[in-house]
Amino acid sequence: MIDFTVVVPVRNRYGSRLRNCLRSIELQTVDAEIFIADYGSTIENHIKTMKLAPKSKSFHYLTDEPWSLSAARNIGLRRTDTEYAMVFDADLIMEPRVLESLLMLHKMDPNTYISTQVVLLDTGSIDIDALELPRDYEQLKHAKATYRSEGWGGLGSAHRDWWYGSRGFDERMKWWGWEDVDMWKRVGRAGLKRVRLSDMNMPETQVYHQWHPNTQLEALQRQNEEILNHIILNERLSKRTPTIKRNDENWGKHGK
């Protein structure tokens, strides 16, 4: 019996980073269902994505709306039927015992929300295209990197009841950057136990971020007004909306 679904949100993503991400899920010490939540890829690129994950479940929402990490994640969360579900960004790699450790923590207390501190691999520190897992896990450990100080970005794991009860991530948020902060606050407001996996000192549970150009930051540096307005709105929603539920009953139902 499979207890875990890993939701991987994508949009026109089909290269080495996604390959490495999916391979790290396949190498976990416990079995998991992979759900590719495709929010806005072209049909051609969706086909390329699924060639990297032919056994995965997926849902492809055709749209030219601005990218929304929240909406993409919710597409997968709404369609999962396992007891636990985790969102996992497509540019991340996890060591082999992450899911095993998450499952153990969840079973100890089902009212637990888990995130983790992420290791940010520096540009040029490792050849992502040539990375081969499990062979290169040791190389990842010694690559030049910095640490994301926050403990809530890129990975979020909880019982299915939480995702359905909270109606997922705030779909009013476009692009990305505040939905994880917002969820961390909402979890605390609801009284769930909040845990950072990286604080537990469990073996082989590190999560790595594969370096890539930051398209959102580049857009902001160009003073892209549309994106700038979205980021400002996301911050305001997170800081000024003291509620647990953010979406209506149709959350995650893009494309029905």
C-alpha atoms as a PDB file:
ATOM      1  CA  MET A   1       0.000   0.000   0.000  1.00  0.00           C
ATOM      2  CA  ILE A   2       1.321   3.445  -0.941  1.00  0.00           C
ATOM      3  CA  ASP A   3       0.894   6.062   1.799  1.00  0.00           C
ATOM      4  CA  PHE A   4       2.477   9.065   0.079  1.00  0.00           C
ATOM      5  CA  THR A   5       1.894  11.215  -2.973  1.00  0.00           C
ATOM      6  CA  VAL A   6       4.573  13.673  -4.084  1.00  0.00           C
ATOM      7  CA  VAL A   7       3.083  16.543  -6.089  1.00  0.00           C
ATOM      8  CA  VAL A   8       5.573  18.132  -8.499  1.00  0.00           C
ATOM      9  CA  PRO A   9       4.295  21.388 -10.071  1.00  0.00           C
ATOM     10  CA  VAL A  10       5.622  22.217 -13.537  1.00  0.00           C
ATOM     11  CA  ARG A  11       5.245  24.562 -16.461  1.00  0.00           C
ATOM     12  CA  ASN A  12       7.252  23.877 -19.626  1.00  0.00           C
ATOM     13  CA  ARG A  13       9.783  21.958 -17.498  1.00  0.00           C
ATOM     14  CA  TYR A  14      11.345  18.870 -19.034  1.00  0.00           C
ATOM     15  CA  GLY A  15      15.144  19.135 -18.725  1.00  0.00           C
ATOM     16  CA  SER A  16      17.896  17.906 -16.426  1.00  0.00           C
ATOM     17  CA  ARG A  17      16.588  19.566 -13.263  1.00  0.00           C
ATOM     18  CA  LEU A  18      13.240  17.820 -13.507  1.00  0.00           C
ATOM     19  CA  ARG A  19      14.927  14.545 -14.408  1.00  0.00           C
ATOM     20  CA  ASN A  20      17.113  14.774 -11.282  1.00  0.00           C
ATOM     21  CA  CYS A  21      14.128  15.721  -9.137  1.00  0.00           C
ATOM     22  CA  LEU A  22      12.026  12.775 -10.289  1.00  0.00           C
ATOM     23  CA  ARG A  23      14.929  10.365 -10.010  1.00  0.00           C
ATOM     24  CA  SER A  24      15.440  11.380  -6.368  1.00  0.00           C
ATOM     25  CA  ILE A  25      11.774  10.549  -5.666  1.00  0.00           C
ATOM     26  CA  GLU A  26      12.092   7.175  -7.371  1.00  0.00           C
ATOM     27  CA  LEU A  27      15.123   6.365  -5.193  1.00  0.00           C
ATOM     28  CA  GLN A  28      13.306   6.857  -1.883  1.00  0.00           C
ATOM     29  CA  THR A  29      13.365   3.988   0.609  1.00  0.00           C
ATOM     30  CA  VAL A  30       9.544   3.946   0.670  1.00  0.00           C
ATOM     31  CA  ASP A  31       7.302   3.836  -2.371  1.00  0.00           C
ATOM     32  CA  ALA A  32       5.430   6.982  -3.358  1.00  0.00           C
ATOM     33  CA  GLU A  33       3.034   8.036  -6.061  1.00  0.00           C
ATOM     34  CA  ILE A  34       4.306  10.894  -8.215  1.00  0.00           C
ATOM     35  CA  PHE A  35       1.766  13.409  -9.476  1.00  0.00           C
ATOM     36  CA  ILE A  36       2.855  15.862 -12.178  1.00  0.00           C
ATOM     37  CA  ALA A  37       0.720  19.004 -11.793  1.00  0.00           C
ATOM     38  CA  ASP A  38       1.170  20.804 -15.104  1.00  0.00           C
ATOM     39  CA  TYR A  39      -0.128  24.360 -15.037  1.00  0.00           C
ATOM     40  CA  GLY A  40       0.195  25.923 -18.450  1.00  0.00           C
ATOM     41  CA  SER A  41       2.718  23.907 -20.452  1.00  0.00           C
ATOM     42  CA  THR A  42       2.250  23.738 -24.175  1.00  0.00           C
ATOM     43  CA  ILE A  43       0.971  20.355 -25.369  1.00  0.00           C
ATOM     44  CA  GLU A  44       4.362  19.650 -26.947  1.00  0.00           C
ATOM     45  CA  ASN A  45       6.238  20.435 -23.738  1.00  0.00           C
ATOM     46  CA  HIS A  46       3.794  18.464 -21.591  1.00  0.00           C
ATOM     47  CA  ILE A  47       4.570  15.411 -23.717  1.00  0.00           C
ATOM     48  CA  LYS A  48       8.293  15.998 -23.134  1.00  0.00           C
ATOM     49  CA  THR A  49       7.670  16.297 -19.398  1.00  0.00           C
ATOM     50  CA  MET A  50       5.773  13.037 -19.217  1.00  0.00           C
ATOM     51  CA  LYS A  51       8.515  11.181 -21.058  1.00  0.00           C
ATOM     52  CA  LEU A  52      10.603  11.746 -17.914  1.00  0.00           C
ATOM     53  CA  ALA A  53       7.848  10.309 -15.711  1.00  0.00           C
ATOM     54  CA  PRO A  54       5.904   7.777 -17.798  1.00  0.00           C
ATOM     55  CA  LYS A  55       4.439   5.975 -14.748  1.00  0.00           C
ATOM     56  CA  SER A  56       3.363   9.125 -12.923  1.00  0.00           C
ATOM     57  CA  LYS A  57      -0.155  10.413 -12.607  1.00  0.00           C
ATOM     58  CA  SER A  58      -0.667  13.850 -14.097  1.00  0.00           C
ATOM     59  CA  PHE A  59      -3.110  16.602 -14.877  1.00  0.00           C
ATOM     60  CA  HIS A  60      -2.458  19.139 -17.621  1.00  0.00           C
ATOM     61  CA  TYR A  61      -4.227  22.485 -17.323  1.00  0.00           C
ATOM     62  CA  LEU A  62      -3.903  24.443 -20.556  1.00  0.00           C
ATOM     63  CA  THR A  63      -3.729  28.157 -19.826  1.00  0.00           C
ATOM     64  CA  ASP A  64      -1.828  31.310 -20.670  1.00  0.00           C
ATOM     65  CA  GLU A  65      -2.570  32.831 -17.248  1.00  0.00           C
ATOM     66  CA  PRO A  66       0.448  33.957 -15.182  1.00  0.00           C
ATOM     67  CA  TRP A  67       2.275  31.113 -13.468  1.00  0.00           C
ATOM     68  CA  SER A  68       0.817  30.289 -10.071  1.00  0.00           C
ATOM     69  CA  LEU A  69       2.749  27.847  -7.916  1.00  0.00           C
ATOM     70  CA  SER A  70      -0.221  27.755  -5.544  1.00  0.00           C
ATOM     71  CA  ALA A  71      -2.689  26.742  -8.244  1.00  0.00           C
ATOM     72  CA  ALA A  72      -0.314  24.158  -9.708  1.00  0.00           C
ATOM     73  CA  ARG A  73       0.236  22.518  -6.337  1.00  0.00           C
ATOM     74  CA  ASN A  74      -3.482  22.480  -5.599  1.00  0.00           C
ATOM     75  CA  ILE A  75      -4.196  20.691  -8.865  1.00  0.00           C
ATOM     76  CA  GLY A  76      -2.198  17.755  -7.539  1.00  0.00           C
ATOM     77  CA  LEU A  77      -3.296  17.965  -3.904  1.00  0.00           C
ATOM     78  CA  ARG A  78      -6.976  17.990  -4.839  1.00  0.00           C
ATOM     79  CA  ARG A  79      -6.539  14.796  -6.862  1.00  0.00           C
ATOM     80  CA  THR A  80      -4.474  12.754  -4.426  1.00  0.00           C
ATOM     81  CA  ASP A  81      -6.050   9.835  -2.601  1.00  0.00           C
ATOM     82  CA  THR A  82      -3.149   8.691  -0.406  1.00  0.00           C
ATOM     83  CA  GLU A  83      -3.115   9.356   3.320  1.00  0.00           C
ATOM     84  CA  TYR A  84      -0.254  11.849   3.115  1.00  0.00           C
ATOM     85  CA  ALA A  85       0.822  14.265   0.397  1.00  0.00           C
ATOM     86  CA  MET A  86       3.870  16.435  -0.114  1.00  0.00           C
ATOM     87  CA  VAL A  87       4.468  19.290  -2.540  1.00  0.00           C
ATOM     88  CA  PHE A  88       7.988  19.247  -3.915  1.00  0.00           C
ATOM     89  CA  ASP A  89       9.347  21.856  -6.306  1.00  0.00           C
ATOM     90  CA  ALA A  90      10.693  20.617  -9.635  1.00  0.00           C
ATOM     91  CA  ASP A  91      14.144  22.149  -9.095  1.00  0.00           C
ATOM     92  CA  LEU A  92      14.826  20.197  -5.880  1.00  0.00           C
ATOM     93  CA  ILE A  93      16.617  16.921  -5.162  1.00  0.00           C
ATOM     94  CA  MET A  94      16.012  14.885  -2.008  1.00  0.00           C
ATOM     95  CA  GLU A  95      18.267  12.338  -0.361  1.00  0.00           C
ATOM     96  CA  PRO A  96      16.930   8.754  -0.163  1.00  0.00           C
ATOM     97  CA  ARG A  97      15.410   8.750   3.341  1.00  0.00           C
ATOM     98  CA  VAL A  98      13.315  11.918   3.181  1.00  0.00           C
ATOM     99  CA  LEU A  99       9.947  10.231   2.625  1.00  0.00           C
ATOM    100  CA  GLU A 100      10.697   7.482   5.126  1.00  0.00           C
ATOM    101  CA  SER A 101      11.442  10.124   7.767  1.00  0.00           C
ATOM    102  CA  LEU A 102       8.386  12.218   6.879  1.00  0.00           C
ATOM    103  CA  LEU A 103       6.154   9.177   7.108  1.00  0.00           C
ATOM    104  CA  MET A 104       7.553   8.261  10.515  1.00  0.00           C
ATOM    105  CA  LEU A 105       6.977  11.796  11.842  1.00  0.00           C
ATOM    106  CA  HIS A 106       3.452  11.951  10.440  1.00  0.00           C
ATOM    107  CA  LYS A 107       2.489   8.607  11.942  1.00  0.00           C
ATOM    108  CA  MET A 108       3.811   9.733  15.329  1.00  0.00           C
ATOM    109  CA  ASP A 109       1.488  12.752  15.111  1.00  0.00           C
ATOM    110  CA  PRO A 110      -0.856  13.063  12.110  1.00  0.00           C
ATOM    111  CA  ASN A 111      -1.463  16.739  12.993  1.00  0.00           C
ATOM    112  CA  THR A 112       2.029  17.673  11.852  1.00  0.00           C
ATOM    113  CA  TYR A 113       3.094  19.908   8.977  1.00  0.00           C
ATOM    114  CA  ILE A 114       6.686  19.403   7.826  1.00  0.00           C
ATOM    115  CA  SER A 115       8.987  21.584   5.779  1.00  0.00           C
ATOM    116  CA  THR A 116      12.775  21.776   5.716  1.00  0.00           C
ATOM    117  CA  GLN A 117      15.813  23.963   5.261  1.00  0.00           C
ATOM    118  CA  VAL A 118      17.071  23.703   1.687  1.00  0.00           C
ATOM    119  CA  VAL A 119      20.692  23.635   0.516  1.00  0.00           C
ATOM    120  CA  LEU A 120      21.115  26.093  -2.367  1.00  0.00           C
ATOM    121  CA  LEU A 121      23.737  24.733  -4.761  1.00  0.00           C
ATOM    122  CA  ASP A 122      25.856  27.613  -6.073  1.00  0.00           C
ATOM    123  CA  THR A 123      26.080  28.354  -9.765  1.00  0.00           C
ATOM    124  CA  GLY A 124      28.778  26.206 -11.353  1.00  0.00           C
ATOM    125  CA  SER A 125      29.221  24.104  -8.215  1.00  0.00           C
ATOM    126  CA  ILE A 126      27.935  20.964  -9.908  1.00  0.00           C
ATOM    127  CA  ASP A 127      27.107  19.900 -13.451  1.00  0.00           C
ATOM    128  CA  ILE A 128      23.362  19.371 -13.277  1.00  0.00           C
ATOM    129  CA  ASP A 129      23.234  17.906 -16.783  1.00  0.00           C
ATOM    130  CA  ALA A 130      25.787  15.218 -15.898  1.00  0.00           C
ATOM    131  CA  LEU A 131      24.389  14.413 -12.456  1.00  0.00           C
ATOM    132  CA  GLU A 132      23.573  10.744 -12.016  1.00  0.00           C
ATOM    133  CA  LEU A 133      21.743   9.442  -8.956  1.00  0.00           C
ATOM    134  CA  PRO A 134      22.363   7.562  -6.732  1.00  0.00           C
ATOM    135  CA  ARG A 135      26.006   7.709  -7.774  1.00  0.00           C
ATOM    136  CA  ASP A 136      26.408  11.454  -7.190  1.00  0.00           C
ATOM    137  CA  TYR A 137      24.702  11.926  -3.812  1.00  0.00           C
ATOM    138  CA  GLU A 138      28.137  12.200  -2.234  1.00  0.00           C
ATOM    139  CA  GLN A 139      29.094  14.880  -4.751  1.00  0.00           C
ATOM    140  CA  LEU A 140      26.036  16.900  -3.739  1.00  0.00           C
ATOM    141  CA  LYS A 141      27.080  16.769  -0.090  1.00  0.00           C
ATOM    142  CA  HIS A 142      30.420  18.394  -0.886  1.00  0.00           C
ATOM    143  CA  ALA A 143      29.307  20.877  -3.550  1.00  0.00           C
ATOM    144  CA  LYS A 144      29.698  24.587  -2.893  1.00  0.00           C
ATOM    145  CA  ALA A 145      26.410  25.803  -1.484  1.00  0.00           C
ATOM    146  CA  THR A 146      24.606  28.182   0.840  1.00  0.00           C
ATOM    147  CA  TYR A 147      21.663  27.493   3.120  1.00  0.00           C
ATOM    148  CA  ARG A 148      18.186  28.916   2.889  1.00  0.00           C
ATOM    149  CA  SER A 149      17.624  30.235   6.391  1.00  0.00           C
ATOM    150  CA  GLU A 150      13.848  29.822   6.307  1.00  0.00           C
ATOM    151  CA  GLY A 151      12.379  26.429   6.974  1.00  0.00           C
ATOM    152  CA  TRP A 152       9.265  26.418   4.860  1.00  0.00           C
ATOM    153  CA  GLY A 153      10.105  26.719   1.180  1.00  0.00           C
ATOM    154  CA  GLY A 154       9.924  24.180  -1.642  1.00  0.00           C
ATOM    155  CA  LEU A 155       8.718  21.222   0.422  1.00  0.00           C
ATOM    156  CA  GLY A 156       5.518  20.964   2.422  1.00  0.00           C
ATOM    157  CA  SER A 157       4.149  17.704   3.784  1.00  0.00           C
ATOM    158  CA  ALA A 158       0.916  16.974   5.651  1.00  0.00           C
ATOM    159  CA  HIS A 159      -1.957  14.554   6.131  1.00  0.00           C
ATOM    160  CA  ARG A 160      -4.526  14.618   3.354  1.00  0.00           C
ATOM    161  CA  ASP A 161      -7.119  15.911   5.844  1.00  0.00           C
ATOM    162  CA  TRP A 162      -5.120  19.122   6.267  1.00  0.00           C
ATOM    163  CA  TRP A 163      -4.861  19.816   2.562  1.00  0.00           C
ATOM    164  CA  TYR A 164      -8.587  19.291   2.070  1.00  0.00           C
ATOM    165  CA  GLY A 165      -9.598  21.077   5.253  1.00  0.00           C
ATOM    166  CA  SER A 166      -7.477  24.152   4.488  1.00  0.00           C
ATOM    167  CA  ARG A 167      -8.302  24.081   0.751  1.00  0.00           C
ATOM    168  CA  GLY A 168      -4.658  24.165  -0.180  1.00  0.00           C
ATOM    169  CA  PHE A 169      -2.431  27.094  -1.081  1.00  0.00           C
ATOM    170  CA  ASP A 170      -3.880  30.544  -1.757  1.00  0.00           C
ATOM    171  CA  GLU A 171      -4.737  30.559  -5.463  1.00  0.00           C
ATOM    172  CA  ARG A 172      -4.920  34.332  -5.582  1.00  0.00           C
ATOM    173  CA  MET A 173      -1.128  34.291  -5.388  1.00  0.00           C
ATOM    174  CA  LYS A 174       0.610  34.415  -8.765  1.00  0.00           C
ATOM    175  CA  TRP A 175       4.186  33.503  -9.576  1.00  0.00           C
ATOM    176  CA  TRP A 176       5.839  32.347  -6.347  1.00  0.00           C
ATOM    177  CA  GLY A 177       7.600  33.485  -3.194  1.00  0.00           C
ATOM    178  CA  TRP A 178       4.963  33.918  -0.483  1.00  0.00           C
ATOM    179  CA  GLU A 179       2.723  30.846  -0.674  1.00  0.00           C
ATOM    180  CA  ASP A 180       5.037  28.778   1.555  1.00  0.00           C
ATOM    181  CA  VAL A 181       5.358  31.546   4.143  1.00  0.00           C
ATOM    182  CA  ASP A 182       1.599  31.934   4.086  1.00  0.00           C
ATOM    183  CA  MET A 183       0.981  28.200   4.541  1.00  0.00           C
ATOM    184  CA  TRP A 184       3.453  28.047   7.446  1.00  0.00           C
ATOM    185  CA  LYS A 185       1.497  30.810   9.183  1.00  0.00           C
ATOM    186  CA  ARG A 186      -1.866  29.182   8.516  1.00  0.00           C
ATOM    187  CA  VAL A 187      -0.654  25.844   9.851  1.00  0.00           C
ATOM    188  CA  GLY A 188       0.444  27.532  13.060  1.00  0.00           C
ATOM    189  CA  ARG A 189      -2.837  29.414  13.297  1.00  0.00           C
ATOM    190  CA  ALA A 190      -4.726  26.121  13.004  1.00  0.00           C
ATOM    191  CA  GLY A 191      -2.752  24.600  15.877  1.00  0.00           C
ATOM    192  CA  LEU A 192      -0.844  21.944  13.919  1.00  0.00           C
ATOM    193  CA  LYS A 193       2.627  20.977  15.021  1.00  0.00           C
ATOM    194  CA  ARG A 194       5.186  22.601  12.696  1.00  0.00           C
ATOM    195  CA  VAL A 195       8.409  20.660  12.106  1.00  0.00           C
ATOM    196  CA  ARG A 196      11.517  21.358  10.047  1.00  0.00           C
ATOM    197  CA  LEU A 197      12.955  18.056   8.879  1.00  0.00           C
ATOM    198  CA  SER A 198      16.421  19.586   8.770  1.00  0.00           C
ATOM    199  CA  ASP A 199      16.234  20.184  12.544  1.00  0.00           C
ATOM    200  CA  MET A 200      15.668  16.488  13.272  1.00  0.00           C
ATOM    201  CA  ASN A 201      19.220  15.355  12.388  1.00  0.00           C
ATOM    202  CA  MET A 202      18.003  12.264  10.580  1.00  0.00           C
ATOM    203  CA  PRO A 203      20.415  10.604   8.118  1.00  0.00           C
ATOM    204  CA  GLU A 204      20.068  11.076   4.376  1.00  0.00           C
ATOM    205  CA  THR A 205      17.301  13.659   4.590  1.00  0.00           C
ATOM    206  CA  GLN A 206      18.947  16.680   2.964  1.00  0.00           C
ATOM    207  CA  VAL A 207      17.163  18.583   0.194  1.00  0.00           C
ATOM    208  CA  TYR A 208      19.154  20.405  -2.488  1.00  0.00           C
ATOM    209  CA  HIS A 209      18.095  23.231  -4.786  1.00  0.00           C
ATOM    210  CA  GLN A 210      19.562  23.010  -8.294  1.00  0.00           C
ATOM    211  CA  TRP A 211      20.787  26.420  -9.406  1.00  0.00           C
ATOM    212  CA  HIS A 212      19.033  28.076 -12.349  1.00  0.00           C
ATOM    213  CA  PRO A 213      18.396  31.652 -13.491  1.00  0.00           C
ATOM    214  CA  ASN A 214      15.764  33.359 -11.377  1.00  0.00           C
ATOM    215  CA  THR A 215      13.252  34.490 -13.981  1.00  0.00           C
ATOM    216  CA  GLN A 216      11.084  36.253 -11.432  1.00  0.00           C
ATOM    217  CA  LEU A 217      14.009  38.224 -10.012  1.00  0.00           C
ATOM    218  CA  GLU A 218      15.161  39.139 -13.503  1.00  0.00           C
ATOM    219  CA  ALA A 219      11.661  40.404 -14.311  1.00  0.00           C
ATOM    220  CA  LEU A 220      11.626  42.504 -11.161  1.00  0.00           C
ATOM    221  CA  GLN A 221      15.030  43.953 -11.999  1.00  0.00           C
ATOM    222  CA  ARG A 222      13.588  44.994 -15.357  1.00  0.00           C
ATOM    223  CA  GLN A 223      10.785  46.680 -13.400  1.00  0.00           C
ATOM    224  CA  ASN A 224       8.127  44.441 -14.913  1.00  0.00           C
ATOM    225  CA  GLU A 225       5.076  46.146 -13.452  1.00  0.00           C
ATOM    226  CA  GLU A 226       2.724  43.173 -13.789  1.00  0.00           C
ATOM    227  CA  ILE A 227       4.998  40.806 -11.885  1.00  0.00           C
ATOM    228  CA  LEU A 228       5.903  43.449  -9.326  1.00  0.00           C
ATOM    229  CA  ASN A 229       2.210  44.011  -8.586  1.00  0.00           C
ATOM    230  CA  HIS A 230       1.658  40.280  -8.144  1.00  0.00           C
ATOM    231  CA  ILE A 231       4.526  40.003  -5.635  1.00  0.00           C
ATOM    232  CA  ILE A 232       3.236  42.994  -3.660  1.00  0.00           C
ATOM    233  CA  LEU A 233      -0.241  41.439  -3.578  1.00  0.00           C
ATOM    234  CA  ASN A 234       1.146  38.080  -2.445  1.00  0.00           C
ATOM    235  CA  GLU A 235       2.943  39.719   0.467  1.00  0.00           C
ATOM    236  CA  ARG A 236      -0.162  41.645   1.472  1.00  0.00           C
ATOM    237  CA  LEU A 237      -2.321  38.519   1.335  1.00  0.00           C
ATOM    238  CA  SER A 238       0.092  36.653   3.574  1.00  0.00           C
ATOM    239  CA  LYS A 239       0.410  39.455   6.105  1.00  0.00           C
ATOM    240  CA  ARG A 240      -3.149  40.792   6.192  1.00  0.00           C
ATOM    241  CA  THR A 241      -5.419  37.777   5.753  1.00  0.00           C
ATOM    242  CA  PRO A 242      -5.573  36.078   9.178  1.00  0.00           C
ATOM    243  CA  THR A 243      -7.630  33.072   8.081  1.00  0.00           C
ATOM    244  CA  ILE A 244      -6.969  29.382   7.524  1.00  0.00           C
ATOM    245  CA  LYS A 245      -9.079  28.757   4.419  1.00  0.00           C
ATOM    246  CA  ARG A 246      -8.247  30.936   1.412  1.00  0.00           C
ATOM    247  CA  ASN A 247     -10.044  29.331  -1.538  1.00  0.00           C
ATOM    248  CA  ASP A 248     -13.645  28.376  -2.190  1.00  0.00           C
ATOM    249  CA  GLU A 249     -14.878  24.791  -2.567  1.00  0.00           C
ATOM    250  CA  ASN A 250     -13.583  24.678  -6.167  1.00  0.00           C
ATOM    251  CA  TRP A 251      -9.937  24.914  -5.082  1.00  0.00           C
ATOM    252  CA  GLY A 252      -7.596  22.846  -7.234  1.00  0.00           C
ATOM    253  CA  LYS A 253     -10.280  22.055  -9.791  1.00  0.00           C
ATOM    254  CA  HIS A 254      -8.720  23.856 -12.747  1.00  0.00           C
ATOM    255  CA  GLY A 255     -10.095  22.332 -15.882  1.00  0.00           C
ATOM    256  CA  LYS A 256     -12.493  20.148 -13.816  1.00  0.00           C
END
